[in-house]
Amino acid sequence: MTLRLSPAQSEALRRRAVAEGASMQDVARRAVEAYIRAHEPEVPIATVIDTELHRFAGAVEWLSRWRD
């Protein structure tokens, strides 16, 4: 893969790499990883409940009987 940057982007990436003591490639790779993590679809709460509820069944049952 080739990543084409504008001269301004390339210079900003170079400065960031120097500031971090890292290669431009490492800085770009971390930026791509952060972007991907930030834009991954969220798991619907119903899916989480279906897959994880059994772990907390005792606590959920106890809370269902709790009165203020």
C-alpha atoms as a PDB file:
ATOM      1  CA  MET A   1       0.000   0.000   0.000  1.00  0.00           C
ATOM      2  CA  THR A   2       1.182   3.488  -0.751  1.00  0.00           C
ATOM      3  CA  LEU A   3      -0.129   6.432   1.245  1.00  0.00           C
ATOM      4  CA  ARG A   4       0.034   9.707  -0.624  1.00  0.00           C
ATOM      5  CA  LEU A   5       0.100  12.779   1.587  1.00  0.00           C
ATOM      6  CA  SER A   6       0.141  16.443   0.716  1.00  0.00           C
ATOM      7  CA  PRO A   7       3.414  18.228   1.452  1.00  0.00           C
ATOM      8  CA  ALA A   8       1.810  19.847   4.504  1.00  0.00           C
ATOM      9  CA  GLN A   9       0.555  16.492   5.816  1.00  0.00           C
ATOM     10  CA  SER A  10       3.918  14.887   5.224  1.00  0.00           C
ATOM     11  CA  GLU A  11       5.702  17.663   7.091  1.00  0.00           C
ATOM     12  CA  ALA A  12       3.244  17.489   9.998  1.00  0.00           C
ATOM     13  CA  LEU A  13       3.742  13.720  10.160  1.00  0.00           C
ATOM     14  CA  ARG A  14       7.517  14.167  10.105  1.00  0.00           C
ATOM     15  CA  ARG A  15       7.366  16.706  12.962  1.00  0.00           C
ATOM     16  CA  ARG A  16       5.115  14.418  15.001  1.00  0.00           C
ATOM     17  CA  ALA A  17       7.465  11.492  14.439  1.00  0.00           C
ATOM     18  CA  VAL A  18      10.486  13.533  15.527  1.00  0.00           C
ATOM     19  CA  ALA A  19       8.620  14.748  18.630  1.00  0.00           C
ATOM     20  CA  GLU A  20       7.728  11.161  19.551  1.00  0.00           C
ATOM     21  CA  GLY A  21      11.094   9.720  18.639  1.00  0.00           C
ATOM     22  CA  ALA A  22       9.361   7.335  16.259  1.00  0.00           C
ATOM     23  CA  SER A  23       9.361   6.680  12.549  1.00  0.00           C
ATOM     24  CA  MET A  24       6.805   8.347  10.318  1.00  0.00           C
ATOM     25  CA  GLN A  25       5.528   4.885   9.465  1.00  0.00           C
ATOM     26  CA  ASP A  26       4.933   4.034  13.140  1.00  0.00           C
ATOM     27  CA  VAL A  27       3.098   7.297  13.766  1.00  0.00           C
ATOM     28  CA  ALA A  28       0.928   6.772  10.681  1.00  0.00           C
ATOM     29  CA  ARG A  29       0.224   3.155  11.644  1.00  0.00           C
ATOM     30  CA  ARG A  30      -0.902   4.171  15.141  1.00  0.00           C
ATOM     31  CA  ALA A  31      -3.117   6.886  13.653  1.00  0.00           C
ATOM     32  CA  VAL A  32      -4.781   4.371  11.335  1.00  0.00           C
ATOM     33  CA  GLU A  33      -5.291   1.920  14.217  1.00  0.00           C
ATOM     34  CA  ALA A  34      -6.865   4.665  16.353  1.00  0.00           C
ATOM     35  CA  TYR A  35      -9.148   5.677  13.491  1.00  0.00           C
ATOM     36  CA  ILE A  36     -10.287   2.096  12.923  1.00  0.00           C
ATOM     37  CA  ARG A  37     -10.999   1.559  16.650  1.00  0.00           C
ATOM     38  CA  ALA A  38     -12.936   4.827  16.837  1.00  0.00           C
ATOM     39  CA  HIS A  39     -15.107   3.901  13.850  1.00  0.00           C
ATOM     40  CA  GLU A  40     -15.832   0.246  14.535  1.00  0.00           C
ATOM     41  CA  PRO A  41     -19.522  -0.490  14.842  1.00  0.00           C
ATOM     42  CA  GLU A  42     -20.723  -0.770  18.406  1.00  0.00           C
ATOM     43  CA  VAL A  43     -22.173  -4.039  19.618  1.00  0.00           C
ATOM     44  CA  PRO A  44     -25.899  -3.643  20.259  1.00  0.00           C
ATOM     45  CA  ILE A  45     -26.761  -3.860  23.948  1.00  0.00           C
ATOM     46  CA  ALA A  46     -29.155  -6.748  23.262  1.00  0.00           C
ATOM     47  CA  THR A  47     -26.240  -8.809  21.947  1.00  0.00           C
ATOM     48  CA  VAL A  48     -24.182  -8.024  25.025  1.00  0.00           C
ATOM     49  CA  ILE A  49     -27.077  -8.960  27.291  1.00  0.00           C
ATOM     50  CA  ASP A  50     -27.647 -12.230  25.448  1.00  0.00           C
ATOM     51  CA  THR A  51     -23.996 -13.235  25.668  1.00  0.00           C
ATOM     52  CA  GLU A  52     -23.112 -11.920  29.130  1.00  0.00           C
ATOM     53  CA  LEU A  53     -26.247 -12.080  31.275  1.00  0.00           C
ATOM     54  CA  HIS A  54     -25.499 -15.575  32.547  1.00  0.00           C
ATOM     55  CA  ARG A  55     -22.347 -14.236  34.232  1.00  0.00           C
ATOM     56  CA  PHE A  56     -24.414 -11.881  36.366  1.00  0.00           C
ATOM     57  CA  ALA A  57     -27.562 -13.948  36.806  1.00  0.00           C
ATOM     58  CA  GLY A  58     -27.225 -14.091  40.593  1.00  0.00           C
ATOM     59  CA  ALA A  59     -26.761 -10.357  40.945  1.00  0.00           C
ATOM     60  CA  VAL A  60     -29.617  -9.609  38.542  1.00  0.00           C
ATOM     61  CA  GLU A  61     -31.934 -11.904  40.486  1.00  0.00           C
ATOM     62  CA  TRP A  62     -30.913 -10.279  43.781  1.00  0.00           C
ATOM     63  CA  LEU A  63     -31.458  -6.792  42.343  1.00  0.00           C
ATOM     64  CA  SER A  64     -34.887  -7.770  41.010  1.00  0.00           C
ATOM     65  CA  ARG A  65     -36.000  -8.498  44.611  1.00  0.00           C
ATOM     66  CA  TRP A  66     -34.484  -5.358  46.099  1.00  0.00           C
ATOM     67  CA  ARG A  67     -36.904  -2.721  47.381  1.00  0.00           C
ATOM     68  CA  ASP A  68     -36.118   0.809  48.470  1.00  0.00           C
END
